[in-house]
Amino acid sequence: VPSFHLRDLEHDPHLREQRFFQPLDQPGIGPLSVLGPPWRFRRHALRPVAPSPLIAQHNDYVLRDLLGIAPAEIDRLVAEGVVEPPTPRPGGETLFQIRPAVVAPAVTAPTAAPRSARPRANPPPHSGPLAGVTVVEVASSSAAGYCGRILRDLGARVSKVMPPAPVAELAPGDELSVAYENAGKLSVTLDVASAQGEELLRRLVARADMVITDEQPAPAGTGAPPGTARSLGECPPGQRPRDQRRGGVPPRRASGHPHVEGGRAS
């Protein structure tokens, strides 16, 4: 049985007809060809893939517009390290998934211009069957990131919450997959280990319809009050280690093999 190379998949006429790959212009990386959503809808046109956000790009939008926090209070939170402003890398762009390996100097409240006068980083437009659904993602695994990406492709607004402390650089090539997983999401930084950060996360979750987390136990602040977000947990396939054998669906989906086999688009 012949096997396909990645370059064969990219130029396969069936995959092109199905729009299996979609262009993604990611700041700091350039144009990419990434997997598109694994579905098609008659009533909802397939929108172009939005790029992965910059670190903390939507802090002001989430804190000021969604949570109603005053600009002066946001500046205080920045000065105390509870949240952080977007931090540019050398060269001008800061990728969502790449951060300095060394701790940056303490950030002080900006004085050049009031926060209310700075340009807003509004979220990308949302349309699809899940338009209007809000999701908070507090996770770091690829499985959780892909789950949030699927919900985002369906039209949900997904806020990815990250800690403000720098993390190590990714291995070469990893930035491509992480950029794909977080395309179109909102980037929010919160120090959930602090009392103020936990309270902000709790307020954000209280407004959400769904929470995605892969941490055990779940971070403080993700437990929403009754009547708001609902909790749904998932364990690996099987409870015991010997039962945790992975099925072939995710690898087959990522390889494009189902589309090569054929089949109707949904």
Protein backbone atom coordinates (compact mmCIF):
# COMPACT_ATOMS: atom_id res chain seq x y z
CA VAL A 1 0.00 0.00 0.00
CA PRO A 2 1.57 3.33 -0.99
CA SER A 3 2.07 5.86 1.77
CA PHE A 4 1.70 9.61 1.42
CA HIS A 5 4.35 12.16 2.21
CA LEU A 6 3.32 15.53 3.64
CA ARG A 7 4.07 17.22 0.33
CA ASP A 8 1.77 14.71 -1.38
CA LEU A 9 -1.05 15.61 0.99
CA GLU A 10 -0.56 19.31 0.43
CA HIS A 11 -0.99 18.92 -3.34
CA ASP A 12 -3.60 16.16 -3.29
CA PRO A 13 -6.54 17.27 -5.49
CA HIS A 14 -9.12 15.71 -3.17
CA LEU A 15 -7.75 17.56 -0.15
CA ARG A 16 -7.67 20.79 -2.13
CA GLU A 17 -11.30 20.32 -3.12
CA GLN A 18 -12.22 19.67 0.52
CA ARG A 19 -10.15 22.70 1.64
CA PHE A 20 -8.39 20.43 4.09
CA PHE A 21 -5.50 22.88 4.43
CA GLN A 22 -6.04 26.59 5.02
CA PRO A 23 -3.63 29.52 4.87
CA LEU A 24 -2.62 31.15 8.15
CA ASP A 25 -0.57 34.36 8.23
CA GLN A 26 1.08 34.18 11.65
CA PRO A 27 2.96 37.31 12.82
CA GLY A 28 6.57 36.48 13.56
CA ILE A 29 6.51 33.27 11.50
CA GLY A 30 4.93 34.20 8.19
CA PRO A 31 2.44 32.39 5.96
CA LEU A 32 1.63 28.83 7.00
CA SER A 33 -0.55 26.03 5.67
CA VAL A 34 -2.53 24.50 8.55
CA LEU A 35 -5.33 21.98 9.00
CA GLY A 36 -8.80 23.39 8.57
CA PRO A 37 -11.87 22.43 10.62
CA PRO A 38 -12.97 18.79 10.15
CA TRP A 39 -16.48 19.78 9.05
CA ARG A 40 -18.48 21.90 6.63
CA PHE A 41 -21.81 23.58 7.27
CA ARG A 42 -24.35 24.68 4.70
CA ARG A 43 -25.52 27.70 6.69
CA HIS A 44 -22.14 28.86 7.96
CA ALA A 45 -19.36 29.72 5.54
CA LEU A 46 -15.85 28.65 6.47
CA ARG A 47 -14.03 31.78 7.72
CA PRO A 48 -10.30 32.34 7.25
CA VAL A 49 -8.19 31.16 10.18
CA ALA A 50 -7.29 34.04 12.52
CA PRO A 51 -3.65 34.16 13.67
CA SER A 52 -2.46 33.13 17.10
CA PRO A 53 -2.55 36.19 19.40
CA LEU A 54 0.36 37.97 20.99
CA ILE A 55 1.09 37.38 24.65
CA ALA A 56 -1.41 39.31 26.81
CA GLN A 57 -2.82 40.92 23.67
CA HIS A 58 -6.40 40.96 24.96
CA ASN A 59 -5.81 41.78 28.63
CA ASP A 60 -7.35 45.23 28.28
CA TYR A 61 -10.33 43.92 26.36
CA VAL A 62 -11.07 41.17 28.88
CA LEU A 63 -10.42 43.22 32.01
CA ARG A 64 -11.92 46.51 30.89
CA ASP A 65 -14.68 45.56 28.46
CA LEU A 66 -15.79 42.19 29.85
CA LEU A 67 -15.12 42.55 33.58
CA GLY A 68 -15.62 46.33 33.81
CA ILE A 69 -12.33 47.09 35.57
CA ALA A 70 -11.25 50.75 35.49
CA PRO A 71 -8.07 51.65 33.54
CA ALA A 72 -6.32 52.90 36.69
CA GLU A 73 -7.04 49.60 38.41
CA ILE A 74 -5.63 47.68 35.44
CA ASP A 75 -2.45 49.75 35.66
CA ARG A 76 -2.18 48.83 39.35
CA LEU A 77 -2.61 45.13 38.54
CA VAL A 78 0.14 45.42 35.92
CA ALA A 79 2.47 47.16 38.38
CA GLU A 80 1.89 44.43 40.97
CA GLY A 81 2.50 41.61 38.47
CA VAL A 82 -1.02 40.20 38.55
CA VAL A 83 -1.34 40.79 34.81
CA GLU A 84 1.13 41.99 32.21
CA PRO A 85 1.11 44.16 29.09
CA PRO A 86 2.03 42.76 25.65
CA THR A 87 5.80 42.23 25.65
CA PRO A 88 7.49 42.62 22.24
CA ARG A 89 10.40 40.41 21.29
CA PRO A 90 13.45 41.70 19.43
CA GLY A 91 12.23 42.30 15.91
CA GLY A 92 8.86 43.69 16.90
CA GLU A 93 6.53 40.73 17.29
CA THR A 94 5.74 38.53 20.25
CA LEU A 95 4.27 35.16 19.45
CA PHE A 96 1.65 33.78 21.78
CA GLN A 97 3.62 30.63 22.43
CA ILE A 98 7.21 31.91 22.60
CA ARG A 99 8.43 33.75 25.67
CA PRO A 100 11.85 34.79 27.03
CA ALA A 101 13.69 32.13 29.00
CA VAL A 102 14.88 34.76 31.51
CA VAL A 103 12.72 36.78 33.84
CA ALA A 104 12.07 40.26 32.50
CA PRO A 105 12.50 43.35 34.72
CA ALA A 106 9.55 44.36 36.85
CA VAL A 107 6.89 46.20 34.90
CA THR A 108 5.78 49.58 36.18
CA ALA A 109 2.57 51.38 35.38
CA PRO A 110 2.93 53.30 32.08
CA THR A 111 2.94 57.08 32.29
CA ALA A 112 3.36 58.18 28.67
CA ALA A 113 -0.32 57.91 27.82
CA PRO A 114 -3.45 57.00 29.78
CA ARG A 115 -4.68 53.47 29.17
CA SER A 116 -7.99 54.80 27.88
CA ALA A 117 -6.13 56.52 25.02
CA ARG A 118 -4.27 53.43 23.83
CA PRO A 119 -5.54 51.42 20.86
CA ARG A 120 -7.81 48.51 21.75
CA ALA A 121 -6.92 44.95 20.79
CA ASN A 122 -10.43 43.85 19.91
CA PRO A 123 -11.07 40.13 19.42
CA PRO A 124 -11.43 38.65 15.93
CA PRO A 125 -15.00 38.30 14.64
CA HIS A 126 -16.91 35.19 15.64
CA SER A 127 -19.49 33.41 13.53
CA GLY A 128 -20.73 29.85 13.35
CA PRO A 129 -23.07 27.53 15.24
CA LEU A 130 -21.37 28.36 18.58
CA ALA A 131 -21.32 32.14 18.11
CA GLY A 132 -22.17 33.71 21.45
CA VAL A 133 -20.71 30.83 23.49
CA THR A 134 -17.83 31.83 25.78
CA VAL A 135 -15.03 29.46 26.81
CA VAL A 136 -12.19 29.92 29.31
CA GLU A 137 -9.13 27.73 28.72
CA VAL A 138 -6.67 27.25 31.59
CA ALA A 139 -4.49 24.49 30.21
CA SER A 140 -1.15 23.73 28.57
CA SER A 141 -1.56 20.33 26.87
CA SER A 142 -2.08 19.88 23.14
CA ALA A 143 -5.31 17.97 23.76
CA ALA A 144 -6.83 20.89 25.66
CA GLY A 145 -5.47 23.37 23.14
CA TYR A 146 -6.97 21.44 20.23
CA CYS A 147 -10.28 21.22 22.07
CA GLY A 148 -10.32 25.00 22.44
CA ARG A 149 -9.32 25.40 18.80
CA ILE A 150 -12.26 23.25 17.64
CA LEU A 151 -14.68 25.30 19.74
CA ARG A 152 -13.15 28.48 18.33
CA ASP A 153 -13.58 27.22 14.76
CA LEU A 154 -17.23 26.58 15.58
CA GLY A 155 -17.64 30.24 16.53
CA ALA A 156 -17.08 30.26 20.30
CA ARG A 157 -15.04 32.99 21.97
CA VAL A 158 -12.13 31.21 23.68
CA SER A 159 -10.02 33.08 26.25
CA LYS A 160 -6.67 31.37 26.83
CA VAL A 161 -5.41 32.19 30.35
CA MET A 162 -1.65 32.04 30.91
CA PRO A 163 0.56 32.92 33.90
CA PRO A 164 2.48 36.21 33.63
CA ALA A 165 5.82 34.59 34.58
CA PRO A 166 8.07 33.83 31.59
CA VAL A 167 8.45 30.23 30.46
CA ALA A 168 11.22 28.45 28.60
CA GLU A 169 11.50 28.56 24.84
CA LEU A 170 9.86 25.75 22.92
CA ALA A 171 11.84 23.21 20.96
CA PRO A 172 12.43 24.10 17.30
CA GLY A 173 9.28 23.40 15.32
CA ASP A 174 6.94 23.29 18.32
CA GLU A 175 5.90 26.89 17.77
CA LEU A 176 4.08 25.89 14.59
CA SER A 177 1.78 23.39 16.29
CA VAL A 178 1.12 25.72 19.23
CA ALA A 179 0.35 28.59 16.88
CA TYR A 180 -2.16 26.31 15.17
CA GLU A 181 -3.79 25.24 18.44
CA ASN A 182 -4.25 28.82 19.64
CA ALA A 183 -5.27 30.49 16.38
CA GLY A 184 -8.13 32.92 16.89
CA LYS A 185 -8.15 32.73 20.68
CA LEU A 186 -7.91 35.63 23.11
CA SER A 187 -4.66 35.84 25.09
CA VAL A 188 -5.05 36.74 28.77
CA THR A 189 -2.36 36.64 31.47
CA LEU A 190 -3.33 36.21 35.12
CA ASP A 191 -1.32 35.24 38.18
CA VAL A 192 -3.94 32.81 39.47
CA ALA A 193 -1.69 31.94 42.42
CA SER A 194 -2.36 35.39 43.88
CA ALA A 195 -5.60 36.30 45.60
CA GLN A 196 -6.34 39.05 43.07
CA GLY A 197 -5.58 36.81 40.10
CA GLU A 198 -7.76 34.04 41.50
CA GLU A 199 -10.64 36.46 41.95
CA LEU A 200 -10.26 37.78 38.39
CA LEU A 201 -10.27 34.22 37.05
CA ARG A 202 -13.34 33.44 39.13
CA ARG A 203 -15.14 36.45 37.66
CA LEU A 204 -14.10 35.48 34.14
CA VAL A 205 -15.28 31.89 34.63
CA ALA A 206 -18.58 33.08 36.08
CA ARG A 207 -19.32 34.69 32.70
CA ALA A 208 -18.32 31.60 30.71
CA ASP A 209 -20.39 28.75 29.36
CA MET A 210 -17.51 26.27 29.47
CA VAL A 211 -14.10 25.86 31.12
CA ILE A 212 -11.25 23.77 29.69
CA THR A 213 -8.50 22.70 32.09
CA ASP A 214 -6.01 19.84 32.14
CA GLU A 215 -4.57 20.49 35.60
CA GLN A 216 -5.22 18.23 38.58
CA PRO A 217 -6.45 19.59 40.85
CA ALA A 218 -8.12 22.30 38.80
CA PRO A 219 -6.70 25.80 39.40
CA ALA A 220 -8.38 27.85 42.08
CA GLY A 221 -10.90 30.17 40.54
CA THR A 222 -12.18 27.75 37.90
CA GLY A 223 -15.00 26.56 40.15
CA ALA A 224 -17.86 28.79 39.05
CA PRO A 225 -20.82 29.56 41.30
CA PRO A 226 -23.93 27.38 40.86
CA GLY A 227 -25.97 28.28 37.82
CA THR A 228 -23.03 29.50 35.71
CA ALA A 229 -20.34 27.33 34.13
CA ARG A 230 -20.69 23.57 34.33
CA SER A 231 -17.84 21.18 35.08
CA LEU A 232 -16.98 18.31 32.78
CA GLY A 233 -13.91 16.18 33.46
CA GLU A 234 -12.18 13.74 31.14
CA CYS A 235 -9.55 11.14 31.95
CA PRO A 236 -7.25 9.40 29.44
CA PRO A 237 -8.72 6.32 27.72
CA GLY A 238 -9.06 3.86 30.59
CA GLN A 239 -8.38 4.35 34.27
CA ARG A 240 -5.35 2.04 34.51
CA PRO A 241 -2.05 2.62 32.66
CA ARG A 242 -2.33 -0.61 30.66
CA ASP A 243 -5.79 0.49 29.46
CA GLN A 244 -4.59 3.85 28.15
CA ARG A 245 -4.10 2.77 24.56
CA ARG A 246 -4.77 5.53 22.12
CA GLY A 247 -7.11 5.05 19.21
CA GLY A 248 -6.17 5.92 15.69
CA VAL A 249 -8.63 8.76 15.12
CA PRO A 250 -6.42 11.79 16.03
CA PRO A 251 -3.36 10.56 14.07
CA ARG A 252 -5.52 9.66 11.06
CA ARG A 253 -7.24 13.02 11.21
CA ALA A 254 -3.96 14.92 11.43
CA SER A 255 -2.42 12.93 8.57
CA GLY A 256 -5.29 13.61 6.19
CA HIS A 257 -5.86 9.92 5.58
CA PRO A 258 -9.70 10.06 5.96
CA HIS A 259 -9.86 12.69 3.24
CA VAL A 260 -7.64 10.65 0.95
CA GLU A 261 -10.01 7.73 1.45
CA GLY A 262 -12.90 9.95 0.38
CA GLY A 263 -16.26 10.61 1.92
CA ARG A 264 -18.91 13.28 1.93
CA ALA A 265 -18.30 16.58 3.65
CA SER A 266 -20.71 17.31 6.46
